Amino acid sequence: MKKEKKDLLSGLDPEVRQQALDQFMSGKAVFGKEGALGPLLQQLLEAALEGELAAHLKEEQPYLEGEANRRNGFSRKQLRTAAGTIELSTPRDRLGSFEPDLVKKRQTILADNLEEKILGLYGLGMSLRDISRHIEEMYGTEISHTVLSEITDRVVPAVKAWQSRPLDPVYPIMWLDAMYYKVRDEESGKVVTRCLYNILGILPSGHKEVLGCYVSGSEGARFWLSVLTDLKSRGVEDVLIACIDNLSGFDDAIRTVYPYCDVQSCIVHQLRNSAKYVASKDQRAVLKELKAVYGAVNRSVGESALEAFAGKWTKQYPLVVNSWQTNWDKLSTFFDYPEHVRRVIYTTNTIEGYHRQLRKVTKTKGAFVNDMAL
């Protein structure tokens, strides 16, 4: 005898089924606030939860002593779904041992990877308000800032674990630089500037690794000292070459923690700073002669070129000449290494490239909601 095909929706409210069908046939949206799939999904979920509880009571019965466990009414909660927000009745048991799998006890969102999408948007720098508006447009369901905060707060332990993870003992090359972002101060509510300290290292294997990110009010050698001390406590025993900008006292902070580290100040930063003090009519000539200094085949030739540069330009641009002479030891470190290493360490271009990647995903961001969001 041929079996009749079972209608999976036969146990649902006929009116709800008909409303969903009518909306679908008329071309109206069946998802979202006004969609008919919300009530339909509600009935499906409640039927499934009833089935879960029945199976739980049946499975648990042989192991209970004394009075049997039984149903004990319902608890209600708002559940946000891709079909809109629904009021869900979850069955309870008297002993409180029922833990539903379909919709867990404290679960308030049921949508295909919706929580992952929220965390992805948060990671791109979107504010909770922007995320809420985006989710409402995409799914037709409202999610409060409180619920969003609960979701985004789940990444905090993972971020803290990453920030404190053990590191390798030796990094042949390390680049250290900072960038600035706008952040809303939690106490005053005002938008302020925060400095994000980034450290990028290269392992003996040749692979690059972001060692850490730290937030402070401004860039300074003192805070860099605390950053380096943290790296030391996380297992970094030695750094062979540190590539930095021309921040005053930065090299001293590095050698306080890693006394045998070679420090290379960024040539590009030095050139930019020099150009600020040179008249526009002389910039081309000055920069060309400086290229003969840092582009020399070795340190000795570079020093000779610097002497020639000083002899020609000291009278007009004493600040520029003095800066190169004073910082020469830090600017010329790269001459101690082979050509293929020099190209990597004489600027901080490597970490600035990393900064450009960060700015690509945060360029539309007005201000982060707090330091942790940054």
Protein backbone atom coordinates (compact mmCIF):
# COMPACT_ATOMS: atom_id res chain seq x y z
CA MET A 1 0.00 0.00 0.00
CA LYS A 2 1.36 3.41 -0.97
CA LYS A 3 2.13 5.65 2.00
CA GLU A 4 0.65 9.12 2.03
CA LYS A 5 3.18 11.93 2.06
CA LYS A 6 3.15 13.56 5.47
CA ASP A 7 2.60 17.35 5.63
CA LEU A 8 5.28 18.67 7.98
CA LEU A 9 3.17 21.77 8.69
CA SER A 10 -0.07 19.89 9.35
CA GLY A 11 0.09 20.56 13.09
CA LEU A 12 0.40 24.33 12.69
CA ASP A 13 -2.34 26.94 12.84
CA PRO A 14 -4.14 26.89 9.45
CA GLU A 15 -4.65 30.67 9.58
CA VAL A 16 -0.94 31.29 10.02
CA ARG A 17 -0.13 28.93 7.17
CA GLN A 18 -2.64 30.63 4.89
CA GLN A 19 -1.37 34.12 5.82
CA ALA A 20 2.20 33.12 4.97
CA LEU A 21 1.07 31.62 1.66
CA ASP A 22 -0.99 34.69 0.75
CA GLN A 23 1.90 37.07 1.52
CA PHE A 24 4.30 34.96 -0.49
CA MET A 25 1.96 34.75 -3.52
CA SER A 26 1.27 38.51 -3.43
CA GLY A 27 4.98 39.32 -3.50
CA LYS A 28 5.00 40.91 -0.04
CA ALA A 29 7.88 40.32 2.37
CA VAL A 30 7.33 37.26 4.54
CA PHE A 31 10.35 38.08 6.73
CA GLY A 32 10.72 40.98 9.17
CA LYS A 33 8.33 42.78 11.46
CA GLU A 34 5.20 42.45 9.29
CA GLY A 35 6.07 39.09 7.76
CA ALA A 36 3.94 36.01 8.41
CA LEU A 37 6.90 33.68 8.87
CA GLY A 38 7.44 34.98 12.41
CA PRO A 39 4.32 33.27 13.84
CA LEU A 40 5.02 30.23 11.67
CA LEU A 41 8.56 29.94 13.01
CA GLN A 42 7.25 30.47 16.55
CA GLN A 43 4.90 27.50 16.26
CA LEU A 44 7.62 25.32 14.75
CA LEU A 45 10.08 26.16 17.53
CA GLU A 46 7.55 25.67 20.31
CA ALA A 47 6.52 22.30 18.87
CA ALA A 48 10.18 21.26 18.65
CA LEU A 49 10.85 22.39 22.24
CA GLU A 50 7.85 20.38 23.43
CA GLY A 51 9.34 17.37 21.69
CA GLU A 52 12.72 18.00 23.34
CA LEU A 53 11.13 18.14 26.79
CA ALA A 54 9.11 14.96 26.19
CA ALA A 55 12.28 13.12 25.15
CA HIS A 56 14.14 14.51 28.18
CA LEU A 57 11.47 13.36 30.65
CA LYS A 58 11.32 9.92 29.09
CA GLU A 59 15.11 9.51 29.10
CA GLU A 60 15.50 10.79 32.65
CA GLN A 61 12.72 8.71 34.27
CA PRO A 62 14.64 5.43 34.85
CA TYR A 63 17.35 7.24 36.82
CA LEU A 64 15.13 9.19 39.23
CA GLU A 65 14.32 8.05 42.72
CA GLY A 66 11.07 9.01 44.40
CA GLU A 67 8.66 11.37 42.65
CA ALA A 68 8.99 11.55 38.87
CA ASN A 69 9.97 14.71 37.06
CA ARG A 70 7.16 16.36 35.07
CA ARG A 71 6.18 19.44 33.10
CA ASN A 72 5.97 22.72 34.96
CA GLY A 73 4.47 25.37 32.70
CA PHE A 74 6.35 27.74 30.41
CA SER A 75 8.80 30.62 30.48
CA ARG A 76 8.52 33.41 27.91
CA LYS A 77 11.24 35.38 26.16
CA GLN A 78 11.82 37.59 23.14
CA LEU A 79 13.75 35.74 20.43
CA ARG A 80 15.27 37.71 17.57
CA THR A 81 15.34 35.77 14.31
CA ALA A 82 15.82 36.33 10.59
CA ALA A 83 12.00 36.28 10.35
CA GLY A 84 11.62 39.04 12.93
CA THR A 85 11.26 39.12 16.71
CA ILE A 86 8.96 36.46 18.17
CA GLU A 87 7.54 35.77 21.63
CA LEU A 88 8.64 32.23 22.43
CA SER A 89 7.15 29.98 25.12
CA THR A 90 9.75 27.50 26.37
CA PRO A 91 8.45 24.49 28.37
CA ARG A 92 9.91 23.88 31.83
CA ASP A 93 10.24 20.83 34.04
CA ARG A 94 9.68 20.67 37.78
CA LEU A 95 13.26 19.66 38.67
CA GLY A 96 14.85 22.26 36.40
CA SER A 97 17.07 19.70 34.67
CA PHE A 98 15.78 20.38 31.15
CA GLU A 99 18.38 22.13 29.00
CA PRO A 100 16.96 22.64 25.48
CA ASP A 101 19.40 22.32 22.59
CA LEU A 102 17.36 24.04 19.89
CA VAL A 103 16.97 27.36 21.72
CA LYS A 104 19.12 27.44 24.82
CA LYS A 105 17.93 28.97 28.09
CA ARG A 106 19.61 32.34 27.82
CA GLN A 107 19.72 32.49 24.04
CA THR A 108 17.99 35.58 22.63
CA ILE A 109 19.10 35.46 18.99
CA LEU A 110 18.29 32.76 16.46
CA ALA A 111 19.55 33.56 12.97
CA ASP A 112 21.98 32.03 10.53
CA ASN A 113 25.40 33.14 11.82
CA LEU A 114 23.87 36.42 13.04
CA GLU A 115 26.09 36.60 16.11
CA GLU A 116 29.15 35.97 13.94
CA LYS A 117 28.01 38.74 11.59
CA ILE A 118 27.61 41.11 14.56
CA LEU A 119 31.13 40.32 15.78
CA GLY A 120 32.45 40.79 12.24
CA LEU A 121 30.85 44.23 11.96
CA TYR A 122 32.19 45.11 15.40
CA GLY A 123 35.65 44.02 14.32
CA LEU A 124 35.40 46.38 11.34
CA GLY A 125 35.00 49.27 13.75
CA MET A 126 31.24 49.84 13.48
CA SER A 127 29.55 51.37 16.51
CA LEU A 128 26.77 49.48 18.30
CA ARG A 129 24.28 52.00 16.91
CA ASP A 130 25.47 51.38 13.35
CA ILE A 131 25.35 47.61 13.85
CA SER A 132 21.82 47.81 15.25
CA ARG A 133 20.66 49.82 12.23
CA HIS A 134 22.43 47.47 9.81
CA ILE A 135 20.90 44.33 11.38
CA GLU A 136 17.43 45.89 11.30
CA GLU A 137 17.83 46.70 7.60
CA MET A 138 19.14 43.23 6.77
CA TYR A 139 16.90 41.08 8.97
CA GLY A 140 13.98 43.31 9.89
CA THR A 141 14.62 42.76 13.59
CA GLU A 142 15.73 45.23 16.24
CA ILE A 143 18.59 44.40 18.60
CA SER A 144 19.15 46.66 21.57
CA HIS A 145 22.54 48.09 22.51
CA THR A 146 22.42 45.98 25.68
CA VAL A 147 22.09 42.74 23.70
CA LEU A 148 24.78 43.85 21.25
CA SER A 149 27.11 44.67 24.14
CA GLU A 150 26.55 41.20 25.59
CA ILE A 151 27.54 39.69 22.25
CA THR A 152 30.57 41.89 21.61
CA ASP A 153 31.77 41.48 25.19
CA ARG A 154 32.29 37.79 24.42
CA VAL A 155 35.35 38.68 22.35
CA VAL A 156 37.00 40.46 25.29
CA PRO A 157 38.39 37.27 26.94
CA ALA A 158 39.78 36.16 23.56
CA VAL A 159 41.40 39.57 23.00
CA LYS A 160 42.93 39.55 26.48
CA ALA A 161 44.20 36.00 25.98
CA TRP A 162 45.80 37.07 22.68
CA GLN A 163 47.37 40.13 24.31
CA SER A 164 48.98 38.02 27.03
CA ARG A 165 49.91 34.94 24.98
CA PRO A 166 53.48 33.60 25.25
CA LEU A 167 55.88 34.75 22.52
CA ASP A 168 58.96 33.27 20.89
CA PRO A 169 62.29 33.91 22.66
CA VAL A 170 64.09 35.54 19.71
CA TYR A 171 62.97 37.93 16.98
CA PRO A 172 65.69 38.84 14.44
CA ILE A 173 63.83 42.00 13.37
CA MET A 174 61.11 43.96 15.13
CA TRP A 175 59.23 47.04 13.87
CA LEU A 176 57.61 49.35 16.40
CA ASP A 177 55.30 52.22 15.49
CA ALA A 178 52.11 53.95 16.59
CA MET A 179 48.95 55.23 14.93
CA TYR A 180 46.08 57.40 16.16
CA TYR A 181 42.34 56.85 16.43
CA LYS A 182 39.35 58.69 17.81
CA VAL A 183 37.74 57.05 20.86
CA ARG A 184 34.82 58.12 23.02
CA ASP A 185 36.04 58.55 26.59
CA GLU A 186 33.86 56.44 28.92
CA GLU A 187 34.01 58.91 31.81
CA SER A 188 33.51 62.24 30.06
CA GLY A 189 31.65 61.00 26.99
CA LYS A 190 33.87 63.22 24.83
CA VAL A 191 35.69 62.03 21.72
CA VAL A 192 39.44 61.98 22.38
CA THR A 193 42.55 60.86 20.51
CA ARG A 194 44.10 57.55 21.47
CA CYS A 195 47.47 56.17 20.42
CA LEU A 196 47.59 52.54 19.28
CA TYR A 197 51.07 51.05 19.77
CA ASN A 198 51.79 48.18 17.36
CA ILE A 199 54.69 45.73 17.30
CA LEU A 200 55.43 43.56 14.29
CA GLY A 201 58.18 40.97 14.43
CA ILE A 202 59.81 38.52 12.07
CA LEU A 203 60.55 35.01 13.33
CA PRO A 204 63.72 33.03 12.53
CA SER A 205 61.53 31.06 10.09
CA GLY A 206 60.86 34.27 8.14
CA HIS A 207 57.19 34.53 9.10
CA LYS A 208 55.85 37.85 10.36
CA GLU A 209 53.81 38.10 13.54
CA VAL A 210 51.92 40.87 15.30
CA LEU A 211 53.31 40.67 18.83
CA GLY A 212 50.89 43.07 20.44
CA CYS A 213 48.69 46.17 20.33
CA TYR A 214 48.52 48.64 23.21
CA VAL A 215 46.38 51.74 23.75
CA SER A 216 47.52 54.96 25.42
CA GLY A 217 46.70 58.65 25.40
CA SER A 218 49.75 59.67 23.36
CA GLU A 219 53.02 58.30 22.00
CA GLY A 220 55.98 58.54 24.34
CA ALA A 221 59.19 56.70 25.19
CA ARG A 222 57.96 55.97 28.71
CA PHE A 223 54.95 54.02 27.48
CA TRP A 224 57.09 52.22 24.92
CA LEU A 225 59.27 51.11 27.84
CA SER A 226 56.22 49.51 29.49
CA VAL A 227 55.33 47.84 26.17
CA LEU A 228 58.82 46.38 25.82
CA THR A 229 58.78 45.23 29.43
CA ASP A 230 55.52 43.39 28.70
CA LEU A 231 57.09 41.68 25.68
CA LYS A 232 59.97 40.58 27.90
CA SER A 233 57.57 39.13 30.47
CA ARG A 234 55.80 37.20 27.70
CA GLY A 235 58.98 35.40 26.74
CA VAL A 236 60.89 37.62 24.28
CA GLU A 237 64.48 37.25 25.47
CA ASP A 238 66.32 38.92 22.62
CA VAL A 239 65.71 41.24 19.66
CA LEU A 240 68.53 41.63 17.15
CA ILE A 241 67.32 44.72 15.25
CA ALA A 242 64.59 47.17 16.25
CA CYS A 243 63.25 49.52 13.57
CA ILE A 244 61.63 52.67 14.96
CA ASP A 245 60.61 56.23 14.13
CA ASN A 246 62.61 59.19 15.44
CA LEU A 247 60.78 59.58 18.75
CA SER A 248 63.07 61.09 21.38
CA GLY A 249 64.25 58.56 23.95
CA PHE A 250 62.82 55.57 22.07
CA ASP A 251 66.23 53.96 21.49
CA ASP A 252 67.11 54.32 25.19
CA ALA A 253 63.85 52.60 26.15
CA ILE A 254 64.70 49.68 23.85
CA ARG A 255 68.21 49.26 25.20
CA THR A 256 66.93 49.39 28.77
CA VAL A 257 65.08 46.12 28.13
CA TYR A 258 67.26 44.69 25.34
CA PRO A 259 70.76 46.14 25.88
CA TYR A 260 72.37 44.32 22.93
CA CYS A 261 69.71 45.23 20.38
CA ASP A 262 70.73 47.25 17.30
CA VAL A 263 68.39 50.21 16.78
CA GLN A 264 67.66 51.62 13.33
CA SER A 265 65.80 54.93 13.06
CA CYS A 266 63.59 55.30 10.01
CA ILE A 267 65.33 57.13 7.16
CA VAL A 268 62.01 58.17 5.62
CA HIS A 269 60.89 59.81 8.86
CA GLN A 270 64.21 61.64 9.03
CA LEU A 271 63.82 62.89 5.44
CA ARG A 272 60.27 64.10 6.10
CA ASN A 273 61.38 65.96 9.21
CA SER A 274 64.29 67.52 7.33
CA ALA A 275 62.07 68.70 4.47
CA LYS A 276 59.94 70.70 6.92
CA TYR A 277 62.86 73.04 7.58
CA VAL A 278 64.00 73.47 3.97
CA ALA A 279 62.67 76.15 1.61
CA SER A 280 60.67 74.69 -1.25
CA LYS A 281 63.15 76.03 -3.82
CA ASP A 282 65.97 74.04 -2.18
CA GLN A 283 64.15 70.82 -1.31
CA ARG A 284 65.00 68.95 -4.51
CA ALA A 285 68.73 69.69 -4.16
CA VAL A 286 68.84 68.94 -0.42
CA LEU A 287 67.01 65.62 -0.74
CA LYS A 288 69.21 64.60 -3.67
CA GLU A 289 72.38 65.17 -1.64
CA LEU A 290 70.90 63.37 1.37
CA LYS A 291 70.22 60.38 -0.88
CA ALA A 292 73.97 60.20 -1.45
CA VAL A 293 74.32 59.90 2.35
CA TYR A 294 71.89 57.06 3.08
CA GLY A 295 72.31 55.46 -0.35
CA ALA A 296 76.07 55.06 0.02
CA VAL A 297 77.68 51.65 -0.44
CA ASN A 298 78.95 51.60 3.16
CA ARG A 299 79.09 53.66 6.34
CA SER A 300 82.43 55.29 5.54
CA VAL A 301 81.21 56.60 2.18
CA GLY A 302 77.99 57.73 3.83
CA GLU A 303 79.88 59.69 6.48
CA SER A 304 81.97 61.40 3.80
CA ALA A 305 78.78 62.35 1.95
CA LEU A 306 77.32 63.71 5.20
CA GLU A 307 80.42 65.86 5.76
CA ALA A 308 80.10 67.26 2.25
CA PHE A 309 76.40 67.92 2.85
CA ALA A 310 77.17 69.75 6.10
CA GLY A 311 79.84 71.87 4.45
CA LYS A 312 77.37 73.05 1.83
CA TRP A 313 74.15 73.52 3.84
CA THR A 314 75.07 74.26 7.48
CA LYS A 315 74.82 78.01 7.03
CA GLN A 316 71.33 77.88 5.48
CA TYR A 317 69.84 74.91 7.32
CA PRO A 318 71.73 74.32 10.58
CA LEU A 319 68.81 72.42 12.18
CA VAL A 320 68.75 69.88 9.35
CA VAL A 321 72.49 69.31 9.39
CA ASN A 322 72.60 69.06 13.18
CA SER A 323 69.76 66.53 13.21
CA TRP A 324 71.56 64.19 10.80
CA GLN A 325 74.86 64.51 12.63
CA THR A 326 73.32 64.01 16.08
CA ASN A 327 71.25 60.98 15.03
CA TRP A 328 73.81 59.47 12.68
CA ASP A 329 74.56 56.45 14.88
CA LYS A 330 70.88 55.42 14.87
CA LEU A 331 70.38 56.32 11.20
CA SER A 332 73.41 54.37 9.95
CA THR A 333 72.89 51.03 11.74
CA PHE A 334 71.68 49.40 8.53
CA PHE A 335 75.17 49.77 7.00
CA ASP A 336 76.30 46.94 9.31
CA TYR A 337 74.14 44.43 7.42
CA PRO A 338 74.04 42.91 3.92
CA GLU A 339 72.14 44.69 1.16
CA HIS A 340 69.09 42.39 1.30
CA VAL A 341 68.71 43.10 5.04
CA ARG A 342 69.30 46.85 4.63
CA ARG A 343 66.28 47.16 2.35
CA VAL A 344 64.05 45.70 5.06
CA ILE A 345 65.30 47.65 8.08
CA TYR A 346 66.27 51.16 6.95
CA THR A 347 62.63 52.32 7.12
CA THR A 348 59.51 51.37 9.06
CA ASN A 349 57.66 50.71 5.77
CA THR A 350 56.87 47.15 6.85
CA ILE A 351 54.77 48.16 9.83
CA GLU A 352 53.36 51.17 8.00
CA GLY A 353 52.04 48.72 5.41
CA TYR A 354 50.30 46.90 8.26
CA HIS A 355 48.87 50.22 9.42
CA ARG A 356 47.47 50.85 5.94
CA GLN A 357 45.64 47.54 6.13
CA LEU A 358 44.13 48.55 9.47
CA ARG A 359 43.03 51.91 8.09
CA LYS A 360 41.29 50.25 5.15
CA VAL A 361 38.83 48.56 7.49
CA THR A 362 38.48 51.49 9.90
CA LYS A 363 38.51 54.48 7.51
CA THR A 364 34.72 54.96 7.71
CA LYS A 365 34.76 54.81 11.50
CA GLY A 366 34.00 58.08 13.27
CA ALA A 367 35.05 57.09 16.78
CA PHE A 368 35.35 53.81 18.67
CA VAL A 369 32.95 53.41 21.58
CA ASN A 370 35.78 52.77 24.08
CA ASP A 371 39.41 51.66 24.36
CA MET A 372 38.51 47.96 24.34
CA ALA A 373 36.56 48.39 21.09
CA LEU A 374 39.71 49.90 19.56
